[in-house]
């Protein structure tokens, strides 16, 4: 009996030939990420294990993303403590203010995640790493500390669910729309809880790395253990510019067993929006045309990449953000910021009236940089829209793609980018 790509990765990482769903395995970890918000706790727990040296200084990745730039004295103090801890442990790969980005973007962008391996991080959207054919997973402080000490972690082998995606991508329809479509299709019915979601098919093969990262990123919000795309020529082209390390192209066996297989044709997929308060309450954009909002936000580890920014710039060129809308863009990393600057996208957006901020998680977690106040209605290309997520519990957050946010910011109301005069 064959194995899925995730099962193969977990088997080889635990020194076994075969694994089956439900088994517990003690696996090798390729890299461990922790960030400013939880990093000190990780190292405190690490030292409580009687350890002073991490298993590999090159493979414990530390990032400042949730608290930078610090908006309060408390956050400034937390950052100073975090920097001191990283310095004490002489961590090689530390991405701090001015040369930073959102942890998950950094992990993939800087080559800290490789196909056929397992990488973990102390933030829920570590599932993003599956975009390059890795097993990416979010873990808590204790598991991170153990991995930092030993280079290993415990896992239960998940069952796998396949999403076979076919059809041709239509203009202004993005990976985010597919992700939200799957959210609405599956709902929170528990079926995908602790499952490995594997994305295959012609529409995935033609998808950019940015799109794959978006798709895998949001699998955690379906309750999945991980999301993954088998590595291919797009993966190889992306990683060759970022690392000299070698990797294997692990793929699922033809006779691999799946808990369920879903077929989705994206030929008629429309821009999709999650209604305030629930990710799985989704509708197509035509159901909300004309809905007013006063804040627009694009960024996060879901939609702050160069492709997203380029799409926005194309839509917003020579236009102006509506006077009733405040719009913020936060690139996912310093590298993305520089590329967008060099290609002229940021100039286009600034001229349109978009505020550009330092790469960080920003208002995604409601911590800083444009948090929502009472009565605000936000159109966001982030990853979550539960009550109070971006600030006030009396605000509403509609979740959608960068193309919908860009077109809508010009008109001041939810607009279908496919019908917008571009």
Protein backbone atom coordinates (compact mmCIF):
# COMPACT_ATOMS: atom_id res chain seq x y z
CA UNK A 1 0.00 0.00 0.00
CA UNK A 2 1.37 3.39 -1.03
CA UNK A 3 1.81 6.51 1.11
CA UNK A 4 0.86 10.14 0.69
CA UNK A 5 3.52 12.85 0.52
CA UNK A 6 2.98 13.80 4.16
CA UNK A 7 3.21 10.17 5.29
CA UNK A 8 6.43 9.74 3.31
CA UNK A 9 7.99 12.83 4.86
CA UNK A 10 7.06 11.71 8.36
CA UNK A 11 8.30 8.17 7.70
CA UNK A 12 11.71 9.25 6.44
CA UNK A 13 12.02 11.85 9.22
CA UNK A 14 11.44 9.13 11.83
CA UNK A 15 13.77 6.60 10.21
CA UNK A 16 10.99 4.27 9.12
CA UNK A 17 10.00 2.73 5.80
CA UNK A 18 6.26 2.89 6.37
CA UNK A 19 3.91 4.79 8.64
CA UNK A 20 0.13 4.66 8.90
CA UNK A 21 -2.38 7.24 10.17
CA UNK A 22 -2.77 7.23 13.94
CA UNK A 23 0.77 6.12 14.74
CA UNK A 24 2.98 8.22 17.01
CA UNK A 25 6.45 8.98 15.65
CA UNK A 26 9.55 10.74 17.00
CA UNK A 27 10.78 12.74 14.01
CA UNK A 28 13.81 14.74 12.98
CA UNK A 29 13.10 18.45 12.55
CA UNK A 30 14.79 20.42 9.80
CA UNK A 31 14.16 23.83 11.37
CA UNK A 32 12.38 25.46 14.32
CA UNK A 33 11.00 28.99 14.25
CA UNK A 34 9.98 31.16 17.15
CA UNK A 35 9.16 34.85 17.24
CA UNK A 36 9.09 37.88 19.52
CA UNK A 37 5.65 37.29 21.03
CA UNK A 38 6.49 33.80 22.37
CA UNK A 39 10.25 33.57 21.91
CA UNK A 40 11.34 34.37 25.44
CA UNK A 41 8.93 31.77 26.80
CA UNK A 42 10.43 29.20 24.41
CA UNK A 43 13.94 29.87 25.63
CA UNK A 44 12.83 29.89 29.28
CA UNK A 45 11.28 26.46 28.75
CA UNK A 46 14.37 25.36 26.81
CA UNK A 47 16.63 26.25 29.74
CA UNK A 48 14.27 24.51 32.16
CA UNK A 49 15.22 21.30 30.34
CA UNK A 50 18.77 21.83 31.56
CA UNK A 51 19.95 22.92 28.11
CA UNK A 52 22.16 25.86 27.22
CA UNK A 53 22.98 25.11 23.55
CA UNK A 54 20.35 24.63 20.82
CA UNK A 55 20.68 21.55 18.64
CA UNK A 56 21.80 23.63 15.63
CA UNK A 57 22.31 27.41 15.69
CA UNK A 58 21.62 27.57 11.95
CA UNK A 59 18.28 25.78 12.23
CA UNK A 60 16.67 27.65 15.11
CA UNK A 61 15.20 30.70 13.41
CA UNK A 62 14.23 33.77 15.44
CA UNK A 63 12.03 36.52 14.04
CA UNK A 64 10.61 39.83 15.27
CA UNK A 65 7.23 40.25 13.58
CA UNK A 66 4.29 40.64 15.98
CA UNK A 67 5.64 43.55 18.03
CA UNK A 68 7.67 45.61 15.52
CA UNK A 69 7.90 48.53 15.46
CA UNK A 70 6.84 48.53 19.13
CA UNK A 71 3.65 50.62 19.55
CA UNK A 72 3.78 50.68 23.35
CA UNK A 73 6.36 50.78 26.13
CA UNK A 74 5.34 47.26 27.16
CA UNK A 75 6.03 45.91 23.67
CA UNK A 76 9.32 47.82 23.50
CA UNK A 77 10.41 46.17 26.75
CA UNK A 78 9.35 42.75 25.47
CA UNK A 79 11.39 43.28 22.32
CA UNK A 80 14.46 44.34 24.27
CA UNK A 81 14.19 41.22 26.43
CA UNK A 82 13.70 39.08 23.32
CA UNK A 83 16.79 40.52 21.63
CA UNK A 84 18.87 39.88 24.72
CA UNK A 85 17.76 36.23 24.84
CA UNK A 86 18.61 35.70 21.16
CA UNK A 87 22.02 37.30 21.72
CA UNK A 88 22.71 35.12 24.75
CA UNK A 89 22.13 31.98 22.71
CA UNK A 90 24.13 33.26 19.73
CA UNK A 91 21.39 32.41 17.22
CA UNK A 92 22.72 32.68 13.67
CA UNK A 93 19.47 33.52 11.88
CA UNK A 94 17.81 36.42 13.65
CA UNK A 95 15.49 38.66 11.63
CA UNK A 96 14.86 41.88 13.53
CA UNK A 97 13.52 45.36 12.78
CA UNK A 98 14.89 46.75 9.51
CA UNK A 99 15.77 43.36 8.04
CA UNK A 100 12.74 41.42 9.05
CA UNK A 101 9.41 40.16 7.88
CA UNK A 102 6.59 37.93 8.98
CA UNK A 103 8.05 34.67 10.27
CA UNK A 104 6.39 32.34 7.76
CA UNK A 105 7.39 34.50 4.80
CA UNK A 106 10.96 34.60 6.13
CA UNK A 107 11.09 30.84 6.65
CA UNK A 108 10.22 30.10 3.02
CA UNK A 109 11.82 33.15 1.42
CA UNK A 110 15.21 32.61 3.08
CA UNK A 111 15.38 28.88 2.34
CA UNK A 112 14.92 27.70 5.93
CA UNK A 113 12.25 25.25 4.75
CA UNK A 114 13.04 22.46 2.28
CA UNK A 115 10.94 19.89 0.40
CA UNK A 116 10.72 16.48 2.02
CA UNK A 117 11.49 17.75 5.53
CA UNK A 118 9.60 18.89 8.64
CA UNK A 119 9.73 22.48 9.87
CA UNK A 120 7.79 23.80 12.84
CA UNK A 121 7.02 27.18 14.36
CA UNK A 122 5.32 28.80 17.35
CA UNK A 123 2.62 30.45 15.27
CA UNK A 124 -0.50 28.84 13.88
CA UNK A 125 0.20 29.65 10.23
CA UNK A 126 3.35 27.51 10.03
CA UNK A 127 1.25 25.38 7.67
CA UNK A 128 2.52 27.84 5.03
CA UNK A 129 5.69 25.76 4.65
CA UNK A 130 3.77 23.11 2.73
CA UNK A 131 3.94 25.39 -0.31
CA UNK A 132 7.46 24.09 -1.03
CA UNK A 133 6.60 20.45 -0.34
CA UNK A 134 7.57 20.45 3.34
CA UNK A 135 5.57 19.26 6.33
CA UNK A 136 4.91 22.56 8.12
CA UNK A 137 3.19 22.62 11.47
CA UNK A 138 2.44 24.96 14.36
CA UNK A 139 3.55 23.86 17.82
CA UNK A 140 3.37 25.23 21.35
CA UNK A 141 6.15 26.59 23.51
CA UNK A 142 6.98 23.27 25.18
CA UNK A 143 7.26 21.32 21.92
CA UNK A 144 9.35 24.14 20.45
CA UNK A 145 11.71 24.01 23.43
CA UNK A 146 12.12 20.25 23.08
CA UNK A 147 12.81 20.61 19.36
CA UNK A 148 15.30 23.40 19.99
CA UNK A 149 17.12 21.11 22.42
CA UNK A 150 16.97 17.85 20.48
CA UNK A 151 16.13 18.61 16.85
CA UNK A 152 13.16 16.27 17.22
CA UNK A 153 9.41 16.33 17.86
CA UNK A 154 6.51 13.95 18.47
CA UNK A 155 3.72 13.68 15.90
CA UNK A 156 0.68 11.54 15.32
CA UNK A 157 0.46 10.58 11.66
CA UNK A 158 -2.57 12.40 10.19
CA UNK A 159 -5.01 11.01 7.67
CA UNK A 160 -4.76 12.72 4.29
CA UNK A 161 -7.43 14.49 2.25
CA UNK A 162 -6.82 15.33 -1.40
CA UNK A 163 -8.14 18.41 -3.18
CA UNK A 164 -7.82 17.91 -6.94
CA UNK A 165 -8.02 21.38 -8.48
CA UNK A 166 -8.72 21.63 -12.22
CA UNK A 167 -9.73 24.33 -14.69
CA UNK A 168 -8.24 27.64 -15.81
CA UNK A 169 -7.67 30.64 -13.57
CA UNK A 170 -9.77 33.63 -14.58
CA UNK A 171 -8.51 37.24 -14.46
CA UNK A 172 -8.44 38.79 -10.95
CA UNK A 173 -9.38 35.48 -9.30
CA UNK A 174 -6.66 34.53 -6.82
CA UNK A 175 -5.51 31.68 -4.59
CA UNK A 176 -7.25 33.45 -1.69
CA UNK A 177 -10.58 32.99 -3.49
CA UNK A 178 -9.96 29.26 -3.77
CA UNK A 179 -9.02 29.08 -0.11
CA UNK A 180 -12.17 30.90 0.97
CA UNK A 181 -14.24 28.79 -1.42
CA UNK A 182 -12.94 25.65 0.30
CA UNK A 183 -13.71 27.25 3.68
CA UNK A 184 -17.31 27.74 2.65
CA UNK A 185 -17.51 24.30 1.03
CA UNK A 186 -16.21 22.38 4.05
CA UNK A 187 -17.39 24.53 6.96
CA UNK A 188 -16.31 23.68 10.50
CA UNK A 189 -17.77 20.18 10.40
CA UNK A 190 -14.76 18.54 12.06
CA UNK A 191 -14.02 16.37 9.04
CA UNK A 192 -10.69 18.07 8.34
CA UNK A 193 -9.55 18.25 11.96
CA UNK A 194 -5.93 17.03 12.26
CA UNK A 195 -5.94 15.98 8.59
CA UNK A 196 -3.22 16.60 6.03
CA UNK A 197 -4.64 18.56 3.10
CA UNK A 198 -2.88 17.82 -0.18
CA UNK A 199 -3.49 20.11 -3.16
CA UNK A 200 -2.98 18.61 -6.62
CA UNK A 201 -4.18 19.02 -10.19
CA UNK A 202 -3.49 21.24 -13.22
CA UNK A 203 -4.68 24.45 -11.55
CA UNK A 204 -2.19 23.91 -8.72
CA UNK A 205 0.62 23.07 -11.12
CA UNK A 206 0.12 26.44 -12.81
CA UNK A 207 -0.08 28.31 -9.50
CA UNK A 208 2.79 30.56 -8.41
CA UNK A 209 4.69 30.01 -5.18
CA UNK A 210 2.89 33.03 -3.71
CA UNK A 211 -0.46 31.40 -4.40
CA UNK A 212 0.65 28.07 -2.97
CA UNK A 213 1.78 29.82 0.19
CA UNK A 214 -1.63 31.48 0.54
CA UNK A 215 -3.43 28.19 0.03
CA UNK A 216 -1.34 26.19 2.51
CA UNK A 217 -1.30 29.10 4.97
CA UNK A 218 -5.05 28.99 5.53
CA UNK A 219 -5.37 25.22 5.99
CA UNK A 220 -4.89 25.69 9.72
CA UNK A 221 -8.12 27.68 9.76
CA UNK A 222 -9.88 24.54 8.52
CA UNK A 223 -8.50 22.69 11.54
CA UNK A 224 -5.99 20.79 9.39
CA UNK A 225 -2.66 19.50 10.65
CA UNK A 226 -0.90 20.74 7.53
CA UNK A 227 -1.39 21.74 3.93
CA UNK A 228 1.00 20.65 1.21
CA UNK A 229 1.77 20.89 -2.51
CA UNK A 230 4.17 18.39 -4.08
CA UNK A 231 7.39 20.09 -5.23
CA UNK A 232 7.86 20.64 -8.97
CA UNK A 233 9.70 22.91 -11.41
CA UNK A 234 8.10 26.00 -9.85
CA UNK A 235 9.40 24.90 -6.45
CA UNK A 236 12.86 24.23 -7.82
CA UNK A 237 13.03 27.58 -9.61
CA UNK A 238 11.96 29.37 -6.43
CA UNK A 239 14.39 27.61 -4.09
CA UNK A 240 17.42 27.73 -6.40
CA UNK A 241 17.52 31.48 -5.83
CA UNK A 242 17.39 31.04 -2.06
CA UNK A 243 19.48 28.07 -0.97
CA UNK A 244 22.29 25.81 -2.09
CA UNK A 245 21.02 22.95 0.07
CA UNK A 246 19.94 19.75 -1.64
CA UNK A 247 16.48 18.25 -1.33
CA UNK A 248 14.35 15.41 -2.68
CA UNK A 249 11.15 15.75 -4.68
CA UNK A 250 8.86 13.65 -2.51
CA UNK A 251 5.46 12.88 -4.04
CA UNK A 252 2.47 10.74 -3.13
CA UNK A 253 2.31 7.19 -4.44
CA UNK A 254 -0.35 6.47 -7.04
CA UNK A 255 -1.93 3.92 -4.70
CA UNK A 256 -1.80 6.19 -1.65
CA UNK A 257 -4.89 6.00 0.55
CA UNK A 258 -6.90 9.17 1.23
CA UNK A 259 -9.60 9.72 3.78
CA UNK A 260 -11.49 11.70 1.14
CA UNK A 261 -10.91 13.20 -2.31
CA UNK A 262 -12.58 16.43 -3.45
CA UNK A 263 -12.62 17.71 -7.03
CA UNK A 264 -12.89 21.45 -7.63
CA UNK A 265 -13.05 23.13 -11.07
CA UNK A 266 -11.92 26.74 -10.71
CA UNK A 267 -13.01 27.77 -14.22
CA UNK A 268 -16.09 29.48 -12.80
CA UNK A 269 -14.61 30.40 -9.42
CA UNK A 270 -15.60 33.93 -8.48
CA UNK A 271 -13.96 36.39 -6.09
CA UNK A 272 -15.08 35.23 -2.66
CA UNK A 273 -15.65 36.98 0.65
CA UNK A 274 -15.97 35.69 4.22
CA UNK A 275 -18.64 37.51 6.17
CA UNK A 276 -17.71 39.20 9.47
CA UNK A 277 -17.20 36.86 12.40
CA UNK A 278 -16.79 33.52 10.60
CA UNK A 279 -14.30 32.27 8.05
CA UNK A 280 -16.60 29.57 6.73
CA UNK A 281 -19.55 31.89 6.11
CA UNK A 282 -18.51 32.78 2.56
CA UNK A 283 -20.33 34.32 -0.39
CA UNK A 284 -19.31 35.34 -3.89
CA UNK A 285 -18.60 39.02 -4.40
CA UNK A 286 -21.83 39.65 -6.33
CA UNK A 287 -23.83 39.05 -3.13
CA UNK A 288 -22.16 42.03 -1.42
CA UNK A 289 -21.82 44.59 -4.20
CA UNK A 290 -22.29 48.11 -2.88
CA UNK A 291 -21.48 47.25 0.75
CA UNK A 292 -19.76 50.25 2.32
CA UNK A 293 -16.60 50.04 4.45
CA UNK A 294 -14.15 52.57 5.86
CA UNK A 295 -10.90 50.66 6.29
CA UNK A 296 -8.92 48.49 3.86
CA UNK A 297 -5.98 46.31 4.78
CA UNK A 298 -3.64 44.10 2.74
CA UNK A 299 -0.73 42.21 4.25
CA UNK A 300 -0.05 39.32 6.69
CA UNK A 301 1.57 35.95 6.00
CA UNK A 302 -1.42 35.22 3.76
CA UNK A 303 -1.42 38.08 1.27
CA UNK A 304 1.56 40.39 1.73
CA UNK A 305 3.71 39.03 -1.09
CA UNK A 306 5.02 40.68 -4.26
CA UNK A 307 2.38 39.07 -6.47
CA UNK A 308 -0.37 40.49 -4.24
CA UNK A 309 1.16 43.97 -4.30
CA UNK A 310 1.65 43.86 -8.07
CA UNK A 311 -2.01 42.90 -8.53
CA UNK A 312 -3.10 45.84 -6.39
CA UNK A 313 -0.86 48.26 -8.29
CA UNK A 314 -2.26 47.14 -11.63
CA UNK A 315 -5.81 47.75 -10.44
CA UNK A 316 -5.10 51.05 -8.67
CA UNK A 317 -2.77 52.69 -11.20
CA UNK A 318 -3.75 56.32 -11.88
CA UNK A 319 -6.70 56.06 -9.49
CA UNK A 320 -7.41 57.30 -5.98
CA UNK A 321 -8.52 55.58 -2.80
CA UNK A 322 -12.05 56.74 -1.98
CA UNK A 323 -12.11 59.64 0.47
CA UNK A 324 -14.16 57.63 2.97
CA UNK A 325 -11.60 54.78 3.04
CA UNK A 326 -8.28 54.55 4.91
CA UNK A 327 -6.09 51.92 3.28
CA UNK A 328 -2.92 50.27 4.63
CA UNK A 329 -0.52 47.90 2.90
CA UNK A 330 2.11 45.99 4.90
CA UNK A 331 4.59 43.95 2.80
CA UNK A 332 5.34 40.52 4.22
CA UNK A 333 9.10 41.06 4.39
CA UNK A 334 11.87 43.55 3.77
CA UNK A 335 12.76 41.69 0.57
CA UNK A 336 9.17 41.96 -0.67
CA UNK A 337 9.18 45.66 0.27
CA UNK A 338 12.36 46.28 -1.74
CA UNK A 339 11.18 44.33 -4.78
CA UNK A 340 7.86 46.16 -4.80
CA UNK A 341 9.75 49.45 -4.49
CA UNK A 342 12.17 48.61 -7.29
CA UNK A 343 9.36 47.54 -9.62
CA UNK A 344 7.45 50.76 -8.99
CA UNK A 345 4.44 49.16 -7.33
CA UNK A 346 4.78 51.09 -4.08
CA UNK A 347 5.01 54.41 -5.92
CA UNK A 348 1.81 53.56 -7.77
CA UNK A 349 0.02 52.68 -4.55
CA UNK A 350 1.31 55.68 -2.60
CA UNK A 351 0.12 57.99 -5.36
CA UNK A 352 -3.27 56.29 -5.11
CA UNK A 353 -3.43 57.13 -1.41
CA UNK A 354 -2.33 53.83 0.16
CA UNK A 355 -0.30 54.03 3.39
CA UNK A 356 2.71 51.66 3.38
CA UNK A 357 4.04 50.33 6.69
CA UNK A 358 7.07 48.41 7.93
CA UNK A 359 6.93 44.64 7.32
CA UNK A 360 5.24 42.98 10.30
CA UNK A 361 2.07 41.16 11.31
CA UNK A 362 0.60 44.66 11.80
CA UNK A 363 -3.14 44.81 12.50
CA UNK A 364 -3.76 41.15 11.67
CA UNK A 365 -3.68 40.24 15.36
CA UNK A 366 -5.11 43.57 16.49
CA UNK A 367 -1.82 44.65 18.08
CA UNK A 368 -0.80 47.75 16.09
CA UNK A 369 -0.65 49.49 12.69
CA UNK A 370 -4.24 50.30 11.86
CA UNK A 371 -6.25 48.33 14.40
CA UNK A 372 -10.02 48.51 14.08
CA UNK A 373 -12.02 50.80 16.34
CA UNK A 374 -15.66 50.74 17.40
CA UNK A 375 -17.95 50.77 14.41
CA UNK A 376 -15.19 50.29 11.85
CA UNK A 377 -15.95 48.12 8.84
CA UNK A 378 -12.75 46.59 7.49
CA UNK A 379 -12.18 44.95 4.12
CA UNK A 380 -9.12 42.81 4.74
CA UNK A 381 -6.88 40.50 2.75
CA UNK A 382 -5.64 38.94 5.99
CA UNK A 383 -6.37 35.47 7.28
CA UNK A 384 -8.89 35.80 10.12
CA UNK A 385 -12.05 37.79 10.77
CA UNK A 386 -13.42 36.57 14.08
CA UNK A 387 -14.95 39.14 16.40
CA UNK A 388 -12.24 41.33 17.93
CA UNK A 389 -9.48 39.87 15.76
CA UNK A 390 -8.25 43.19 14.39
CA UNK A 391 -9.07 45.34 17.41
CA UNK A 392 -12.50 46.37 18.68
CA UNK A 393 -15.13 43.71 19.23
CA UNK A 394 -17.55 46.28 17.85
CA UNK A 395 -15.85 46.31 14.46
CA UNK A 396 -16.68 44.12 11.45
CA UNK A 397 -14.10 42.43 9.23
CA UNK A 398 -14.86 41.13 5.74
CA UNK A 399 -12.12 38.84 4.46
CA UNK A 400 -11.23 38.64 0.78
CA UNK A 401 -8.41 38.80 -1.81
CA UNK A 402 -6.05 41.68 -2.65
CA UNK A 403 -7.77 42.21 -6.00
CA UNK A 404 -11.16 42.72 -4.35
CA UNK A 405 -9.66 45.05 -1.71
CA UNK A 406 -7.90 47.13 -4.38
CA UNK A 407 -10.93 47.57 -6.63
CA UNK A 408 -13.23 48.22 -3.67
CA UNK A 409 -10.92 50.78 -2.07
CA UNK A 410 -11.27 52.97 -5.16
CA UNK A 411 -15.07 52.90 -5.16
CA UNK A 412 -15.58 52.94 -1.39
CA UNK A 413 -17.85 49.90 -1.58
CA UNK A 414 -17.36 46.20 -2.25
CA UNK A 415 -16.67 45.85 -5.97
CA UNK A 416 -16.04 42.95 -8.32
CA UNK A 417 -12.54 43.47 -9.80
CA UNK A 418 -13.60 41.60 -12.94
CA UNK A 419 -16.03 44.39 -13.80
CA UNK A 420 -13.89 47.27 -12.55
CA UNK A 421 -12.58 49.75 -15.12
CA UNK A 422 -8.87 48.96 -15.07
